[in-house]
Amino acid sequence: MKVMIDTNIIFDVLTEREPYYTDSALIWSWSKEKIITGFISAISINNIYYISKKVNGIPYAQKLVDQLLEEFEIISLTKNILKQARTVANKDYEDLIQYFSAIHEGCDILVTRNKKDFPAIGVNILEPRELAERILS
């Protein structure tokens, strides 16, 4: 199963943000263990590095990027994805980059905590709890 993982899921794990941590950490561990094929967008790597560097310093951020590159597949950011993300009105551009990245990669699911911010067609949008229930059933 190919699963696009939104940046907010990664931050839930890194910050141990409750009540989301447990489900998000489960998704991350499934990617690491190859139970799912977890994808993140190249734009997520940059955003995670930037914020982690500000909060925890450069060595931490560098180690984190190495870990992400090891445990997830990375979807390249292309001109086509950026253009497609501009075609949908009234949605967050960064979320649309994630959405179209998932479509271009042929992902079955995009997992996020903000389902309402994504188009309702093209790829299944699930919250971490919904994905966990689907896999565990």
Protein backbone atom coordinates (compact mmCIF):
# COMPACT_ATOMS: atom_id res chain seq x y z
CA MET A 1 0.00 0.00 0.00
CA LYS A 2 1.43 3.35 -1.08
CA VAL A 3 0.73 6.03 1.52
CA MET A 4 1.53 9.73 1.19
CA ILE A 5 2.23 11.11 4.67
CA ASP A 6 1.45 14.76 5.24
CA THR A 7 4.02 16.85 7.06
CA ASN A 8 1.72 17.32 10.06
CA ILE A 9 1.92 13.58 10.78
CA ILE A 10 5.72 13.78 10.96
CA PHE A 11 5.53 16.78 13.30
CA ASP A 12 3.01 14.96 15.52
CA VAL A 13 5.67 12.31 16.12
CA LEU A 14 8.59 14.69 16.50
CA THR A 15 6.76 16.84 19.05
CA GLU A 16 4.84 13.97 20.66
CA ARG A 17 1.73 16.07 20.10
CA GLU A 18 -1.29 14.63 21.89
CA PRO A 19 -3.81 13.27 21.17
CA TYR A 20 -2.27 12.53 17.75
CA TYR A 21 1.10 11.06 18.69
CA THR A 22 0.16 7.38 19.05
CA ASP A 23 -1.60 7.00 15.70
CA SER A 24 0.96 9.10 13.85
CA ALA A 25 3.86 7.16 15.37
CA LEU A 26 2.18 3.93 14.28
CA ILE A 27 2.03 5.17 10.68
CA TRP A 28 5.71 6.17 10.82
CA SER A 29 6.72 2.79 12.27
CA TRP A 30 4.77 0.94 9.56
CA SER A 31 6.73 2.86 6.94
CA LYS A 32 10.01 2.09 8.66
CA GLU A 33 9.07 -1.61 8.91
CA LYS A 34 7.84 -1.65 5.26
CA ILE A 35 4.31 -2.67 6.25
CA ILE A 36 3.29 0.28 4.10
CA THR A 37 5.33 2.17 1.54
CA GLY A 38 5.44 5.59 3.16
CA PHE A 39 6.04 8.59 0.93
CA ILE A 40 6.74 12.18 1.86
CA SER A 41 7.13 15.13 -0.45
CA ALA A 42 10.52 16.69 -1.01
CA ILE A 43 8.95 19.93 0.23
CA SER A 44 8.34 18.23 3.60
CA ILE A 45 12.03 17.49 4.02
CA ASN A 46 12.89 21.15 3.59
CA ASN A 47 10.15 22.32 5.96
CA ILE A 48 11.05 19.76 8.62
CA TYR A 49 14.75 20.63 8.39
CA TYR A 50 14.07 24.36 8.68
CA ILE A 51 11.85 24.08 11.75
CA SER A 52 13.99 21.41 13.43
CA LYS A 53 17.12 23.51 12.92
CA LYS A 54 15.46 26.51 14.58
CA VAL A 55 14.22 24.47 17.54
CA ASN A 56 16.94 21.84 18.06
CA GLY A 57 19.99 23.04 16.11
CA ILE A 58 21.76 21.99 12.93
CA PRO A 59 23.19 18.62 14.07
CA TYR A 60 19.73 17.42 15.16
CA ALA A 61 18.13 18.63 11.93
CA GLN A 62 20.78 16.93 9.81
CA LYS A 63 20.37 13.63 11.66
CA LEU A 64 16.59 13.88 11.32
CA VAL A 65 16.83 14.44 7.55
CA ASP A 66 19.08 11.38 7.26
CA GLN A 67 16.50 9.35 9.20
CA LEU A 68 13.63 10.56 7.01
CA LEU A 69 15.57 9.73 3.85
CA GLU A 70 16.16 6.23 5.20
CA GLU A 71 12.64 5.48 6.41
CA PHE A 72 10.47 7.09 3.70
CA GLU A 73 10.34 7.29 -0.06
CA ILE A 74 10.64 10.87 -1.30
CA ILE A 75 8.42 12.30 -4.02
CA SER A 76 10.25 14.80 -6.18
CA LEU A 77 8.81 18.27 -6.46
CA THR A 78 8.22 19.02 -10.12
CA LYS A 79 7.05 21.98 -12.12
CA ASN A 80 3.96 20.00 -13.12
CA ILE A 81 3.00 19.36 -9.48
CA LEU A 82 3.50 23.03 -8.62
CA LYS A 83 1.34 24.10 -11.59
CA GLN A 84 -1.42 21.63 -10.78
CA ALA A 85 -1.48 22.81 -7.17
CA ARG A 86 -2.23 26.32 -8.44
CA THR A 87 -5.34 25.14 -10.32
CA VAL A 88 -7.51 24.50 -7.25
CA ALA A 89 -9.13 27.56 -5.73
CA ASN A 90 -9.75 28.09 -2.03
CA LYS A 91 -7.33 25.44 -0.79
CA ASP A 92 -3.92 25.76 0.88
CA TYR A 93 -1.13 25.67 -1.71
CA GLU A 94 1.21 23.55 0.43
CA ASP A 95 -1.56 21.00 1.02
CA LEU A 96 -2.26 20.89 -2.70
CA ILE A 97 1.41 20.21 -3.39
CA GLN A 98 1.11 17.22 -1.05
CA TYR A 99 -2.12 16.13 -2.77
CA PHE A 100 -0.79 16.30 -6.32
CA SER A 101 2.47 14.66 -5.24
CA ALA A 102 0.39 11.72 -3.98
CA ILE A 103 -1.51 11.52 -7.25
CA HIS A 104 1.64 11.70 -9.38
CA GLU A 105 3.23 8.92 -7.34
CA GLY A 106 0.11 6.74 -7.58
CA CYS A 107 -0.46 6.65 -3.84
CA ASP A 108 -3.53 4.81 -2.60
CA ILE A 109 -3.96 7.03 0.46
CA LEU A 110 -2.92 10.44 1.71
CA VAL A 111 -2.82 10.48 5.50
CA THR A 112 -3.30 13.82 7.24
CA ARG A 113 -5.03 15.42 10.18
CA ASN A 114 -6.66 18.12 8.09
CA LYS A 115 -8.83 16.19 5.62
CA LYS A 116 -11.04 19.18 4.90
CA ASP A 117 -8.11 21.02 3.33
CA PHE A 118 -7.76 18.48 0.50
CA PRO A 119 -9.89 17.80 -2.58
CA ALA A 120 -12.30 14.90 -2.07
CA ILE A 121 -11.45 13.13 -5.33
CA GLY A 122 -8.40 11.46 -6.83
CA VAL A 123 -6.86 9.82 -3.77
CA ASN A 124 -8.33 8.55 -0.50
CA ILE A 125 -7.76 11.08 2.27
CA LEU A 126 -7.62 9.48 5.72
CA GLU A 127 -6.71 10.53 9.23
CA PRO A 128 -4.07 8.44 11.01
CA ARG A 129 -6.71 6.69 13.15
CA GLU A 130 -8.70 5.74 10.02
CA LEU A 131 -5.62 4.33 8.33
CA ALA A 132 -4.67 2.40 11.46
CA GLU A 133 -8.14 0.88 11.68
CA ARG A 134 -8.02 -0.09 8.01
CA ILE A 135 -4.64 -1.81 8.33
CA LEU A 136 -5.40 -3.50 11.64
CA SER A 137 -8.77 -4.91 10.52
